[in-house]
Amino acid sequence: MAECDLRHRLALAAFTAAFVFIAGVTAFAGVMPQENTMSTHPYVGLWVTPDDYIRYELLPNGRYFESRGHRERVYHGEYRVTGDHIDYKDDSGFIADGEFRNDVLYHAGVMLTRG
């Protein structure tokens, strides 16, 4: 009887550990929570490089589209703004971030201003 109880406890512990791990991964991979309502957030809108080659469209629903040159909406995914920091998670799984300073978005060595 004690051996059965021990196996039951070990199985329960393994299940609990797996659940906690999967819940953590799912929370990161799921819809990123927003600091406040993005529909009224001052950073929502179009951001472009000086040559208009790269364009980020930050939508009020926490989604974004990135266009390059003549290719529209080449990349897309979710974004989250915390203070002046932005985190992106592309639908392909690529993760990136950036900073807003003096109405300029700095991202991966690129500067974007309002379009």
PDB file of N, CA and C in Angstrom:
ATOM      1  N   MET A   1       0.818  -1.190   0.000  1.00  0.00           N
ATOM      2  CA  MET A   1       0.000   0.000   0.000  1.00  0.00           C
ATOM      3  C   MET A   1       0.868   1.264   0.000  1.00  0.00           C
ATOM      4  N   ALA A   2       1.968   1.250   0.744  1.00  0.00           N
ATOM      5  CA  ALA A   2       2.842   2.414   0.821  1.00  0.00           C
ATOM      6  C   ALA A   2       3.509   2.679  -0.524  1.00  0.00           C
ATOM      7  N   GLU A   3       3.873   1.626  -1.271  1.00  0.00           N
ATOM      8  CA  GLU A   3       4.495   1.788  -2.580  1.00  0.00           C
ATOM      9  C   GLU A   3       3.538   2.453  -3.565  1.00  0.00           C
ATOM     10  N   CYS A   4       2.283   2.076  -3.524  1.00  0.00           N
ATOM     11  CA  CYS A   4       1.260   2.678  -4.381  1.00  0.00           C
ATOM     12  C   CYS A   4       1.083   4.148  -4.033  1.00  0.00           C
ATOM     13  N   ASP A   5       1.070   4.478  -2.737  1.00  0.00           N
ATOM     14  CA  ASP A   5       0.932   5.860  -2.287  1.00  0.00           C
ATOM     15  C   ASP A   5       2.120   6.699  -2.751  1.00  0.00           C
ATOM     16  N   LEU A   6       3.330   6.136  -2.667  1.00  0.00           N
ATOM     17  CA  LEU A   6       4.533   6.848  -3.099  1.00  0.00           C
ATOM     18  C   LEU A   6       4.487   7.102  -4.605  1.00  0.00           C
ATOM     19  N   ARG A   7       4.092   6.086  -5.389  1.00  0.00           N
ATOM     20  CA  ARG A   7       3.977   6.281  -6.842  1.00  0.00           C
ATOM     21  C   ARG A   7       2.945   7.351  -7.167  1.00  0.00           C
ATOM     22  N   HIS A   8       1.853   7.359  -6.429  1.00  0.00           N
ATOM     23  CA  HIS A   8       0.810   8.357  -6.640  1.00  0.00           C
ATOM     24  C   HIS A   8       1.342   9.752  -6.354  1.00  0.00           C
ATOM     25  N   ARG A   9       2.073   9.898  -5.267  1.00  0.00           N
ATOM     26  CA  ARG A   9       2.636  11.212  -4.908  1.00  0.00           C
ATOM     27  C   ARG A   9       3.676  11.672  -5.929  1.00  0.00           C
ATOM     28  N   LEU A  10       4.520  10.746  -6.402  1.00  0.00           N
ATOM     29  CA  LEU A  10       5.519  11.103  -7.412  1.00  0.00           C
ATOM     30  C   LEU A  10       4.849  11.506  -8.726  1.00  0.00           C
ATOM     31  N   ALA A  11       3.832  10.774  -9.111  1.00  0.00           N
ATOM     32  CA  ALA A  11       3.105  11.115 -10.341  1.00  0.00           C
ATOM     33  C   ALA A  11       2.438  12.476 -10.208  1.00  0.00           C
ATOM     34  N   LEU A  12       1.856  12.752  -9.058  1.00  0.00           N
ATOM     35  CA  LEU A  12       1.219  14.050  -8.827  1.00  0.00           C
ATOM     36  C   LEU A  12       2.250  15.175  -8.865  1.00  0.00           C
ATOM     37  N   ALA A  13       3.422  14.949  -8.256  1.00  0.00           N
ATOM     38  CA  ALA A  13       4.484  15.962  -8.265  1.00  0.00           C
ATOM     39  C   ALA A  13       4.971  16.224  -9.689  1.00  0.00           C
ATOM     40  N   ALA A  14       5.141  15.168 -10.477  1.00  0.00           N
ATOM     41  CA  ALA A  14       5.584  15.330 -11.861  1.00  0.00           C
ATOM     42  C   ALA A  14       4.540  16.083 -12.679  1.00  0.00           C
ATOM     43  N   PHE A  15       3.284  15.738 -12.492  1.00  0.00           N
ATOM     44  CA  PHE A  15       2.209  16.425 -13.195  1.00  0.00           C
ATOM     45  C   PHE A  15       2.178  17.905 -12.823  1.00  0.00           C
ATOM     46  N   THR A  16       2.308  18.201 -11.535  1.00  0.00           N
ATOM     47  CA  THR A  16       2.281  19.593 -11.067  1.00  0.00           C
ATOM     48  C   THR A  16       3.437  20.379 -11.661  1.00  0.00           C
ATOM     49  N   ALA A  17       4.642  19.790 -11.658  1.00  0.00           N
ATOM     50  CA  ALA A  17       5.803  20.479 -12.224  1.00  0.00           C
ATOM     51  C   ALA A  17       5.607  20.739 -13.709  1.00  0.00           C
ATOM     52  N   ALA A  18       5.091  19.763 -14.438  1.00  0.00           N
ATOM     53  CA  ALA A  18       4.844  19.949 -15.872  1.00  0.00           C
ATOM     54  C   ALA A  18       3.798  21.024 -16.109  1.00  0.00           C
ATOM     55  N   PHE A  19       2.748  21.037 -15.296  1.00  0.00           N
ATOM     56  CA  PHE A  19       1.696  22.044 -15.442  1.00  0.00           C
ATOM     57  C   PHE A  19       2.250  23.443 -15.208  1.00  0.00           C
ATOM     58  N   VAL A  20       3.060  23.616 -14.165  1.00  0.00           N
ATOM     59  CA  VAL A  20       3.638  24.928 -13.866  1.00  0.00           C
ATOM     60  C   VAL A  20       4.541  25.376 -15.014  1.00  0.00           C
ATOM     61  N   PHE A  21       5.358  24.462 -15.553  1.00  0.00           N
ATOM     62  CA  PHE A  21       6.226  24.807 -16.670  1.00  0.00           C
ATOM     63  C   PHE A  21       5.420  25.215 -17.897  1.00  0.00           C
ATOM     64  N   ILE A  22       4.439  24.426 -18.262  1.00  0.00           N
ATOM     65  CA  ILE A  22       3.612  24.714 -19.443  1.00  0.00           C
ATOM     66  C   ILE A  22       2.832  26.006 -19.255  1.00  0.00           C
ATOM     67  N   ALA A  23       2.323  26.243 -18.054  1.00  0.00           N
ATOM     68  CA  ALA A  23       1.586  27.484 -17.783  1.00  0.00           C
ATOM     69  C   ALA A  23       2.498  28.690 -17.959  1.00  0.00           C
ATOM     70  N   GLY A  24       3.753  28.586 -17.526  1.00  0.00           N
ATOM     71  CA  GLY A  24       4.698  29.686 -17.683  1.00  0.00           C
ATOM     72  C   GLY A  24       5.011  29.964 -19.128  1.00  0.00           C
ATOM     73  N   VAL A  25       5.245  28.918 -19.911  1.00  0.00           N
ATOM     74  CA  VAL A  25       5.529  29.079 -21.335  1.00  0.00           C
ATOM     75  C   VAL A  25       4.318  29.654 -22.043  1.00  0.00           C
ATOM     76  N   THR A  26       3.128  29.163 -21.708  1.00  0.00           N
ATOM     77  CA  THR A  26       1.904  29.638 -22.339  1.00  0.00           C
ATOM     78  C   THR A  26       1.661  31.105 -22.009  1.00  0.00           C
ATOM     79  N   ALA A  27       1.929  31.504 -20.776  1.00  0.00           N
ATOM     80  CA  ALA A  27       1.721  32.906 -20.391  1.00  0.00           C
ATOM     81  C   ALA A  27       2.624  33.816 -21.196  1.00  0.00           C
ATOM     82  N   PHE A  28       3.879  33.383 -21.454  1.00  0.00           N
ATOM     83  CA  PHE A  28       4.791  34.209 -22.230  1.00  0.00           C
ATOM     84  C   PHE A  28       4.398  34.221 -23.695  1.00  0.00           C
ATOM     85  N   ALA A  29       3.952  33.085 -24.196  1.00  0.00           N
ATOM     86  CA  ALA A  29       3.650  32.961 -25.619  1.00  0.00           C
ATOM     87  C   ALA A  29       2.270  33.493 -25.972  1.00  0.00           C
ATOM     88  N   GLY A  30       1.420  33.684 -24.994  1.00  0.00           N
ATOM     89  CA  GLY A  30       0.061  34.131 -25.260  1.00  0.00           C
ATOM     90  C   GLY A  30      -0.015  35.624 -25.479  1.00  0.00           C
ATOM     91  N   VAL A  31      -1.209  36.137 -25.430  1.00  0.00           N
ATOM     92  CA  VAL A  31      -1.420  37.568 -25.613  1.00  0.00           C
ATOM     93  C   VAL A  31      -0.713  38.305 -24.489  1.00  0.00           C
ATOM     94  N   MET A  32       0.164  39.215 -24.862  1.00  0.00           N
ATOM     95  CA  MET A  32       0.920  39.939 -23.862  1.00  0.00           C
ATOM     96  C   MET A  32       0.027  40.980 -23.211  1.00  0.00           C
ATOM     97  N   PRO A  33       0.008  41.032 -21.866  1.00  0.00           N
ATOM     98  CA  PRO A  33      -0.845  42.016 -21.203  1.00  0.00           C
ATOM     99  C   PRO A  33      -0.360  43.439 -21.484  1.00  0.00           C
ATOM    100  N   GLN A  34      -1.267  44.347 -21.572  1.00  0.00           N
ATOM    101  CA  GLN A  34      -0.934  45.737 -21.853  1.00  0.00           C
ATOM    102  C   GLN A  34      -0.867  46.542 -20.557  1.00  0.00           C
ATOM    103  N   GLU A  35       0.024  47.516 -20.536  1.00  0.00           N
ATOM    104  CA  GLU A  35       0.156  48.377 -19.370  1.00  0.00           C
ATOM    105  C   GLU A  35      -1.129  49.161 -19.160  1.00  0.00           C
ATOM    106  N   ASN A  36      -1.722  49.643 -20.211  1.00  0.00           N
ATOM    107  CA  ASN A  36      -3.011  50.331 -20.142  1.00  0.00           C
ATOM    108  C   ASN A  36      -3.735  50.099 -21.466  1.00  0.00           C
ATOM    109  N   THR A  37      -4.884  50.644 -21.607  1.00  0.00           N
ATOM    110  CA  THR A  37      -5.657  50.439 -22.825  1.00  0.00           C
ATOM    111  C   THR A  37      -4.904  51.014 -24.014  1.00  0.00           C
ATOM    112  N   MET A  38      -4.563  50.153 -24.976  1.00  0.00           N
ATOM    113  CA  MET A  38      -3.779  50.593 -26.117  1.00  0.00           C
ATOM    114  C   MET A  38      -4.589  51.474 -27.059  1.00  0.00           C
ATOM    115  N   SER A  39      -5.907  51.399 -26.988  1.00  0.00           N
ATOM    116  CA  SER A  39      -6.712  52.216 -27.891  1.00  0.00           C
ATOM    117  C   SER A  39      -6.497  53.703 -27.642  1.00  0.00           C
ATOM    118  N   THR A  40      -6.054  54.049 -26.457  1.00  0.00           N
ATOM    119  CA  THR A  40      -5.804  55.462 -26.147  1.00  0.00           C
ATOM    120  C   THR A  40      -4.333  55.734 -25.881  1.00  0.00           C
ATOM    121  N   HIS A  41      -3.479  54.746 -26.097  1.00  0.00           N
ATOM    122  CA  HIS A  41      -2.060  54.908 -25.788  1.00  0.00           C
ATOM    123  C   HIS A  41      -1.398  55.856 -26.789  1.00  0.00           C
ATOM    124  N   PRO A  42      -0.532  56.756 -26.330  1.00  0.00           N
ATOM    125  CA  PRO A  42       0.077  57.737 -27.230  1.00  0.00           C
ATOM    126  C   PRO A  42       1.027  57.141 -28.265  1.00  0.00           C
ATOM    127  N   TYR A  43       1.481  55.905 -28.095  1.00  0.00           N
ATOM    128  CA  TYR A  43       2.407  55.319 -29.060  1.00  0.00           C
ATOM    129  C   TYR A  43       1.711  54.546 -30.181  1.00  0.00           C
ATOM    130  N   VAL A  44       0.407  54.382 -30.104  1.00  0.00           N
ATOM    131  CA  VAL A  44      -0.335  53.704 -31.166  1.00  0.00           C
ATOM    132  C   VAL A  44      -0.258  54.543 -32.434  1.00  0.00           C
ATOM    133  N   GLY A  45      -0.081  53.871 -33.565  1.00  0.00           N
ATOM    134  CA  GLY A  45      -0.040  54.577 -34.842  1.00  0.00           C
ATOM    135  C   GLY A  45       1.108  54.099 -35.701  1.00  0.00           C
ATOM    136  N   LEU A  46       1.442  54.876 -36.712  1.00  0.00           N
ATOM    137  CA  LEU A  46       2.465  54.518 -37.689  1.00  0.00           C
ATOM    138  C   LEU A  46       3.799  55.149 -37.319  1.00  0.00           C
ATOM    139  N   TRP A  47       4.876  54.356 -37.374  1.00  0.00           N
ATOM    140  CA  TRP A  47       6.247  54.796 -37.114  1.00  0.00           C
ATOM    141  C   TRP A  47       7.080  54.423 -38.334  1.00  0.00           C
ATOM    142  N   VAL A  48       7.873  55.371 -38.855  1.00  0.00           N
ATOM    143  CA  VAL A  48       8.612  55.140 -40.102  1.00  0.00           C
ATOM    144  C   VAL A  48      10.061  55.590 -39.974  1.00  0.00           C
ATOM    145  N   THR A  49      10.934  54.945 -40.764  1.00  0.00           N
ATOM    146  CA  THR A  49      12.326  55.390 -40.836  1.00  0.00           C
ATOM    147  C   THR A  49      12.382  56.639 -41.705  1.00  0.00           C
ATOM    148  N   PRO A  50      13.462  57.425 -41.599  1.00  0.00           N
ATOM    149  CA  PRO A  50      13.549  58.658 -42.403  1.00  0.00           C
ATOM    150  C   PRO A  50      13.376  58.434 -43.897  1.00  0.00           C
ATOM    151  N   ASP A  51      13.814  57.284 -44.405  1.00  0.00           N
ATOM    152  CA  ASP A  51      13.658  57.009 -45.840  1.00  0.00           C
ATOM    153  C   ASP A  51      12.341  56.302 -46.160  1.00  0.00           C
ATOM    154  N   ASP A  52      11.500  56.098 -45.167  1.00  0.00           N
ATOM    155  CA  ASP A  52      10.180  55.465 -45.299  1.00  0.00           C
ATOM    156  C   ASP A  52      10.283  53.993 -45.720  1.00  0.00           C
ATOM    157  N   TYR A  53      11.478  53.403 -45.591  1.00  0.00           N
ATOM    158  CA  TYR A  53      11.653  52.014 -46.014  1.00  0.00           C
ATOM    159  C   TYR A  53      11.022  51.041 -45.012  1.00  0.00           C
ATOM    160  N   ILE A  54      11.238  51.288 -43.703  1.00  0.00           N
ATOM    161  CA  ILE A  54      10.666  50.431 -42.667  1.00  0.00           C
ATOM    162  C   ILE A  54       9.526  51.177 -42.001  1.00  0.00           C
ATOM    163  N   ARG A  55       8.399  50.500 -41.873  1.00  0.00           N
ATOM    164  CA  ARG A  55       7.214  51.110 -41.276  1.00  0.00           C
ATOM    165  C   ARG A  55       6.611  50.145 -40.257  1.00  0.00           C
ATOM    166  N   TYR A  56       6.413  50.632 -39.024  1.00  0.00           N
ATOM    167  CA  TYR A  56       5.744  49.860 -37.974  1.00  0.00           C
ATOM    168  C   TYR A  56       4.369  50.447 -37.747  1.00  0.00           C
ATOM    169  N   GLU A  57       3.384  49.619 -37.820  1.00  0.00           N
ATOM    170  CA  GLU A  57       2.009  50.024 -37.575  1.00  0.00           C
ATOM    171  C   GLU A  57       1.582  49.396 -36.249  1.00  0.00           C
ATOM    172  N   LEU A  58       1.519  50.210 -35.187  1.00  0.00           N
ATOM    173  CA  LEU A  58       1.108  49.728 -33.869  1.00  0.00           C
ATOM    174  C   LEU A  58      -0.395  49.923 -33.742  1.00  0.00           C
ATOM    175  N   LEU A  59      -1.123  48.829 -33.708  1.00  0.00           N
ATOM    176  CA  LEU A  59      -2.583  48.885 -33.676  1.00  0.00           C
ATOM    177  C   LEU A  59      -3.091  48.987 -32.237  1.00  0.00           C
ATOM    178  N   PRO A  60      -4.277  49.542 -32.044  1.00  0.00           N
ATOM    179  CA  PRO A  60      -4.830  49.709 -30.693  1.00  0.00           C
ATOM    180  C   PRO A  60      -5.127  48.403 -29.970  1.00  0.00           C
ATOM    181  N   ASN A  61      -5.196  47.290 -30.694  1.00  0.00           N
ATOM    182  CA  ASN A  61      -5.524  46.005 -30.075  1.00  0.00           C
ATOM    183  C   ASN A  61      -4.288  45.228 -29.611  1.00  0.00           C
ATOM    184  N   GLY A  62      -3.103  45.881 -29.617  1.00  0.00           N
ATOM    185  CA  GLY A  62      -1.882  45.212 -29.174  1.00  0.00           C
ATOM    186  C   GLY A  62      -1.191  44.406 -30.255  1.00  0.00           C
ATOM    187  N   ARG A  63      -1.632  44.535 -31.494  1.00  0.00           N
ATOM    188  CA  ARG A  63      -1.003  43.858 -32.625  1.00  0.00           C
ATOM    189  C   ARG A  63      -0.186  44.872 -33.411  1.00  0.00           C
ATOM    190  N   TYR A  64       0.792  44.384 -34.166  1.00  0.00           N
ATOM    191  CA  TYR A  64       1.578  45.267 -35.019  1.00  0.00           C
ATOM    192  C   TYR A  64       1.811  44.620 -36.372  1.00  0.00           C
ATOM    193  N   PHE A  65       2.103  45.480 -37.347  1.00  0.00           N
ATOM    194  CA  PHE A  65       2.511  45.053 -38.676  1.00  0.00           C
ATOM    195  C   PHE A  65       3.775  45.819 -39.029  1.00  0.00           C
ATOM    196  N   GLU A  66       4.716  45.130 -39.648  1.00  0.00           N
ATOM    197  CA  GLU A  66       5.932  45.775 -40.136  1.00  0.00           C
ATOM    198  C   GLU A  66       5.973  45.631 -41.652  1.00  0.00           C
ATOM    199  N   SER A  67       6.177  46.758 -42.319  1.00  0.00           N
ATOM    200  CA  SER A  67       6.295  46.774 -43.781  1.00  0.00           C
ATOM    201  C   SER A  67       7.702  47.207 -44.137  1.00  0.00           C
ATOM    202  N   ARG A  68       8.210  46.703 -45.272  1.00  0.00           N
ATOM    203  CA  ARG A  68       9.550  47.059 -45.737  1.00  0.00           C
ATOM    204  C   ARG A  68       9.509  47.321 -47.234  1.00  0.00           C
ATOM    205  N   GLY A  69       9.935  48.516 -47.604  1.00  0.00           N
ATOM    206  CA  GLY A  69       9.930  48.881 -49.017  1.00  0.00           C
ATOM    207  C   GLY A  69       8.534  48.785 -49.596  1.00  0.00           C
ATOM    208  N   HIS A  70       8.410  48.065 -50.690  1.00  0.00           N
ATOM    209  CA  HIS A  70       7.097  47.900 -51.335  1.00  0.00           C
ATOM    210  C   HIS A  70       6.320  46.709 -50.777  1.00  0.00           C
ATOM    211  N   ARG A  71       6.948  45.974 -49.854  1.00  0.00           N
ATOM    212  CA  ARG A  71       6.280  44.802 -49.265  1.00  0.00           C
ATOM    213  C   ARG A  71       5.499  45.235 -48.028  1.00  0.00           C
ATOM    214  N   GLU A  72       4.198  45.177 -48.115  1.00  0.00           N
ATOM    215  CA  GLU A  72       3.323  45.597 -47.020  1.00  0.00           C
ATOM    216  C   GLU A  72       3.088  44.456 -46.038  1.00  0.00           C
ATOM    217  N   ARG A  73       3.112  44.795 -44.760  1.00  0.00           N
ATOM    218  CA  ARG A  73       2.768  43.862 -43.679  1.00  0.00           C
ATOM    219  C   ARG A  73       3.514  42.536 -43.793  1.00  0.00           C
ATOM    220  N   VAL A  74       4.829  42.637 -43.950  1.00  0.00           N
ATOM    221  CA  VAL A  74       5.678  41.453 -44.089  1.00  0.00           C
ATOM    222  C   VAL A  74       5.756  40.690 -42.768  1.00  0.00           C
ATOM    223  N   TYR A  75       5.882  41.411 -41.672  1.00  0.00           N
ATOM    224  CA  TYR A  75       5.963  40.803 -40.344  1.00  0.00           C
ATOM    225  C   TYR A  75       4.779  41.281 -39.515  1.00  0.00           C
ATOM    226  N   HIS A  76       4.325  40.437 -38.592  1.00  0.00           N
ATOM    227  CA  HIS A  76       3.198  40.814 -37.749  1.00  0.00           C
ATOM    228  C   HIS A  76       3.252  40.008 -36.466  1.00  0.00           C
ATOM    229  N   GLY A  77       2.654  40.579 -35.438  1.00  0.00           N
ATOM    230  CA  GLY A  77       2.637  39.899 -34.147  1.00  0.00           C
ATOM    231  C   GLY A  77       2.007  40.765 -33.083  1.00  0.00           C
ATOM    232  N   GLU A  78       2.431  40.524 -31.844  1.00  0.00           N
ATOM    233  CA  GLU A  78       1.912  41.245 -30.686  1.00  0.00           C
ATOM    234  C   GLU A  78       2.972  42.206 -30.164  1.00  0.00           C
ATOM    235  N   TYR A  79       2.519  43.230 -29.480  1.00  0.00           N
ATOM    236  CA  TYR A  79       3.459  44.105 -28.800  1.00  0.00           C
ATOM    237  C   TYR A  79       2.888  44.488 -27.443  1.00  0.00           C
ATOM    238  N   ARG A  80       3.797  44.882 -26.562  1.00  0.00           N
ATOM    239  CA  ARG A  80       3.415  45.335 -25.225  1.00  0.00           C
ATOM    240  C   ARG A  80       4.266  46.554 -24.911  1.00  0.00           C
ATOM    241  N   VAL A  81       3.644  47.603 -24.408  1.00  0.00           N
ATOM    242  CA  VAL A  81       4.354  48.809 -24.007  1.00  0.00           C
ATOM    243  C   VAL A  81       4.319  48.902 -22.492  1.00  0.00           C
ATOM    244  N   THR A  82       5.500  49.091 -21.900  1.00  0.00           N
ATOM    245  CA  THR A  82       5.632  49.304 -20.465  1.00  0.00           C
ATOM    246  C   THR A  82       6.457  50.568 -20.291  1.00  0.00           C
ATOM    247  N   GLY A  83       5.813  51.633 -19.865  1.00  0.00           N
ATOM    248  CA  GLY A  83       6.511  52.915 -19.784  1.00  0.00           C
ATOM    249  C   GLY A  83       6.902  53.356 -21.179  1.00  0.00           C
ATOM    250  N   ASP A  84       8.214  53.522 -21.412  1.00  0.00           N
ATOM    251  CA  ASP A  84       8.723  53.893 -22.731  1.00  0.00           C
ATOM    252  C   ASP A  84       9.391  52.714 -23.433  1.00  0.00           C
ATOM    253  N   HIS A  85       9.195  51.514 -22.905  1.00  0.00           N
ATOM    254  CA  HIS A  85       9.790  50.294 -23.472  1.00  0.00           C
ATOM    255  C   HIS A  85       8.718  49.527 -24.238  1.00  0.00           C
ATOM    256  N   ILE A  86       9.106  48.981 -25.394  1.00  0.00           N
ATOM    257  CA  ILE A  86       8.181  48.160 -26.180  1.00  0.00           C
ATOM    258  C   ILE A  86       8.809  46.789 -26.411  1.00  0.00           C
ATOM    259  N   ASP A  87       8.013  45.744 -26.214  1.00  0.00           N
ATOM    260  CA  ASP A  87       8.407  44.367 -26.505  1.00  0.00           C
ATOM    261  C   ASP A  87       7.549  43.870 -27.656  1.00  0.00           C
ATOM    262  N   TYR A  88       8.203  43.231 -28.622  1.00  0.00           N
ATOM    263  CA  TYR A  88       7.511  42.655 -29.766  1.00  0.00           C
ATOM    264  C   TYR A  88       7.634  41.141 -29.696  1.00  0.00           C
ATOM    265  N   LYS A  89       6.603  40.446 -30.104  1.00  0.00           N
ATOM    266  CA  LYS A  89       6.677  38.998 -30.308  1.00  0.00           C
ATOM    267  C   LYS A  89       6.013  38.712 -31.642  1.00  0.00           C
ATOM    268  N   ASP A  90       6.836  38.439 -32.635  1.00  0.00           N
ATOM    269  CA  ASP A  90       6.347  38.128 -33.968  1.00  0.00           C
ATOM    270  C   ASP A  90       5.583  36.809 -33.935  1.00  0.00           C
ATOM    271  N   ASP A  91       4.609  36.666 -34.807  1.00  0.00           N
ATOM    272  CA  ASP A  91       3.824  35.435 -34.868  1.00  0.00           C
ATOM    273  C   ASP A  91       4.688  34.210 -35.169  1.00  0.00           C
ATOM    274  N   SER A  92       5.873  34.410 -35.740  1.00  0.00           N
ATOM    275  CA  SER A  92       6.788  33.292 -36.005  1.00  0.00           C
ATOM    276  C   SER A  92       7.576  32.903 -34.764  1.00  0.00           C
ATOM    277  N   GLY A  93       7.479  33.724 -33.696  1.00  0.00           N
ATOM    278  CA  GLY A  93       8.189  33.425 -32.453  1.00  0.00           C
ATOM    279  C   GLY A  93       9.371  34.345 -32.199  1.00  0.00           C
ATOM    280  N   PHE A  94       9.754  35.161 -33.181  1.00  0.00           N
ATOM    281  CA  PHE A  94      10.871  36.098 -33.015  1.00  0.00           C
ATOM    282  C   PHE A  94      10.504  37.144 -31.966  1.00  0.00           C
ATOM    283  N   ILE A  95      11.431  37.436 -31.063  1.00  0.00           N
ATOM    284  CA  ILE A  95      11.191  38.406 -29.991  1.00  0.00           C
ATOM    285  C   ILE A  95      12.181  39.552 -30.129  1.00  0.00           C
ATOM    286  N   ALA A  96      11.712  40.784 -29.974  1.00  0.00           N
ATOM    287  CA  ALA A  96      12.563  41.966 -30.056  1.00  0.00           C
ATOM    288  C   ALA A  96      12.005  43.032 -29.116  1.00  0.00           C
ATOM    289  N   ASP A  97      12.759  44.111 -28.961  1.00  0.00           N
ATOM    290  CA  ASP A  97      12.276  45.203 -28.124  1.00  0.00           C
ATOM    291  C   ASP A  97      12.818  46.527 -28.628  1.00  0.00           C
ATOM    292  N   GLY A  98      12.354  47.603 -28.012  1.00  0.00           N
ATOM    293  CA  GLY A  98      12.784  48.937 -28.394  1.00  0.00           C
ATOM    294  C   GLY A  98      12.442  49.931 -27.300  1.00  0.00           C
ATOM    295  N   GLU A  99      12.821  51.175 -27.523  1.00  0.00           N
ATOM    296  CA  GLU A  99      12.579  52.258 -26.563  1.00  0.00           C
ATOM    297  C   GLU A  99      12.051  53.485 -27.292  1.00  0.00           C
ATOM    298  N   PHE A 100      11.118  54.166 -26.652  1.00  0.00           N
ATOM    299  CA  PHE A 100      10.628  55.450 -27.137  1.00  0.00           C
ATOM    300  C   PHE A 100      11.350  56.541 -26.347  1.00  0.00           C
ATOM    301  N   ARG A 101      11.994  57.480 -27.076  1.00  0.00           N
ATOM    302  CA  ARG A 101      12.652  58.622 -26.433  1.00  0.00           C
ATOM    303  C   ARG A 101      12.426  59.856 -27.295  1.00  0.00           C
ATOM    304  N   ASN A 102      11.865  60.895 -26.679  1.00  0.00           N
ATOM    305  CA  ASN A 102      11.639  62.165 -27.391  1.00  0.00           C
ATOM    306  C   ASN A 102      10.905  61.965 -28.705  1.00  0.00           C
ATOM    307  N   ASP A 103       9.840  61.169 -28.675  1.00  0.00           N
ATOM    308  CA  ASP A 103       8.989  60.886 -29.825  1.00  0.00           C
ATOM    309  C   ASP A 103       9.742  60.209 -30.974  1.00  0.00           C
ATOM    310  N   VAL A 104      10.758  59.429 -30.614  1.00  0.00           N
ATOM    311  CA  VAL A 104      11.486  58.597 -31.574  1.00  0.00           C
ATOM    312  C   VAL A 104      11.465  57.174 -31.030  1.00  0.00           C
ATOM    313  N   LEU A 105      11.203  56.201 -31.893  1.00  0.00           N
ATOM    314  CA  LEU A 105      11.252  54.794 -31.533  1.00  0.00           C
ATOM    315  C   LEU A 105      12.595  54.235 -31.980  1.00  0.00           C
ATOM    316  N   TYR A 106      13.380  53.769 -31.016  1.00  0.00           N
ATOM    317  CA  TYR A 106      14.667  53.147 -31.289  1.00  0.00           C
ATOM    318  C   TYR A 106      14.480  51.636 -31.208  1.00  0.00           C
ATOM    319  N   HIS A 107      14.767  50.961 -32.316  1.00  0.00           N
ATOM    320  CA  HIS A 107      14.557  49.516 -32.381  1.00  0.00           C
ATOM    321  C   HIS A 107      15.620  48.886 -33.275  1.00  0.00           C
ATOM    322  N   ALA A 108      16.436  48.001 -32.705  1.00  0.00           N
ATOM    323  CA  ALA A 108      17.446  47.236 -33.459  1.00  0.00           C
ATOM    324  C   ALA A 108      18.339  48.135 -34.310  1.00  0.00           C
ATOM    325  N   GLY A 109      18.808  49.228 -33.744  1.00  0.00           N
ATOM    326  CA  GLY A 109      19.692  50.133 -34.465  1.00  0.00           C
ATOM    327  C   GLY A 109      18.991  51.036 -35.467  1.00  0.00           C
ATOM    328  N   VAL A 110      17.665  51.010 -35.469  1.00  0.00           N
ATOM    329  CA  VAL A 110      16.880  51.824 -36.397  1.00  0.00           C
ATOM    330  C   VAL A 110      16.110  52.873 -35.612  1.00  0.00           C
ATOM    331  N   MET A 111      16.020  54.076 -36.173  1.00  0.00           N
ATOM    332  CA  MET A 111      15.223  55.144 -35.558  1.00  0.00           C
ATOM    333  C   MET A 111      13.986  55.371 -36.408  1.00  0.00           C
ATOM    334  N   LEU A 112      12.841  55.395 -35.747  1.00  0.00           N
ATOM    335  CA  LEU A 112      11.563  55.625 -36.443  1.00  0.00           C
ATOM    336  C   LEU A 112      10.847  56.790 -35.783  1.00  0.00           C
ATOM    337  N   THR A 113      10.204  57.599 -36.603  1.00  0.00           N
ATOM    338  CA  THR A 113       9.399  58.704 -36.097  1.00  0.00           C
ATOM    339  C   THR A 113       7.970  58.515 -36.578  1.00  0.00           C
ATOM    340  N   ARG A 114       7.084  59.312 -36.056  1.00  0.00           N
ATOM    341  CA  ARG A 114       5.673  59.194 -36.451  1.00  0.00           C
ATOM    342  C   ARG A 114       5.501  59.415 -37.946  1.00  0.00           C
ATOM    343  N   GLY A 115       4.656  58.565 -38.530  1.00  0.00           N
ATOM    344  CA  GLY A 115       4.416  58.648 -39.972  1.00  0.00           C
ATOM    345  C   GLY A 115       3.228  59.484 -40.301  1.00  0.00           C
TER     346      GLY A 115
END
